[in-house]
Amino acid sequence: MKLGARILKTGTAIVLALFLAELLKLPSPVFAGIAAIFAVQPSIYRSYLTIVEQIQGNIIGALCAILFYQLFGNHFVIIGLAAIIAIIIHLRLKIENTISLSLVTLVAIMVAPEDDFYSFAFIRFITILLGILSAFLINLALLPPKYETKLFKSIMEITGEVIKWIRISIYQASDHVELKNDIERIKERLIRLDQIFLFYKEERNFLRKHRYAKMRKVVLYRHMIATVRASLNVLKKLHQYENDLSLLPGHFTEKLKGCIEQLTISHEQILIRYTGKAKTKHEEKIGELDSMKQSLLKLHLQCLKEEGDEQAAYHILQMMAAVMEYNEHLLHLEKLINSLQSFHKDEGHVRLAEPDPQ
């Protein structure tokens, strides 16, 4: 089990919130700790964007609590109705992410004793606001996350999983049900990968030269993910049309296997070269992929001439289209990496030694 940065930040934010609440002698400092839990964000930029929304949510919760308390009292049914109104307000203002924190404020204020209600409500409001600010300070100061390493490692892992199944499938050695389940798992991992990419995209660079490199890298990583999806599409077609492929002439299937195998090798080489662990001349790789494009086109035309079954020919057409698209993505990926390494030599490789953020 790894102690990630997110876990450490959450614990530290709670400690800071409770410490400051005790230092200021605020009653019920536990609410500061609870607010800190909800306010911790996975990135500095997201923390900056959400602190205003969190303060707005805190204010909405406090105002709803005071209004309903004064009009109807603090019966538990009234607290529930006040919570519903607060949620509706959040949805109308499109600040859904702060609903939980707002409801904490609302409940904390509405359970206040009748004596000196306003001062008690103000203290609870300040206590929760203190928790929000504590989490914001911790997000700024403690272990600013570096999502590039985590992003690239995830891309490598998912790519490796897809390529493994492609190589098994082209020799018709895969279990149909197991492969189907694994394809669904890979789709779920791609959803999480998109979230990591979003966190990486949100990271900010203050130096101009780093900003330009970051812009190129954002384009590069977006296309890396698109290339993974293209490879997954090839795998899905292999899985979907495995019976049609088994009925094709032997010489055709052997050529198709060779083309797909060569594309997976190129995919691995391109990613490894980006880590700085492999040397491949850009012109040679571009030539290989361009040549592969011509080979795939000839293979497709040959299949159209030889295949008599129209339904099978239609399925093979989809398969060839997926393989050609995969080839195009690899060709563009090679060009993007070469462009980055030509214009930003210091930032042209990913650093895998950095710890993963959580």
Foldseek 3Di string as FASTA:
>chain_A
DDCFQLNVLLVQLLVQLLVVCVVVVQPPLVLLNVLLNLLADQALLVSVVCLVVLLVLLVLLLVLLVVLCVVPNQDPVSLVVSLVVSCVVCVVVVSNSNSVLSSSLNVQLRVDDPPPSVVSSVSSSVSSNSSNVSSSVSNVPPCGAQLPLVLLVLLVVLLVVLLVLLLCLLVPNDDLVVLVVVLVVSVVSLVVSVVSLVNNLSDDDDDPVVVVLSVLVNVLSVLSSVLSVLSSQLSVLSSVLVVLLVPDDPVLSVLVSVLNNVLSVLNVQLSVVQQVNDDDDLVVSLVVLVVSLVSLVVSLVVCVVPDPDPVSNVSVVSSSVSSNVSSVSSNVSSVSLVVSCVVPVPNSHDDNPDDHHD
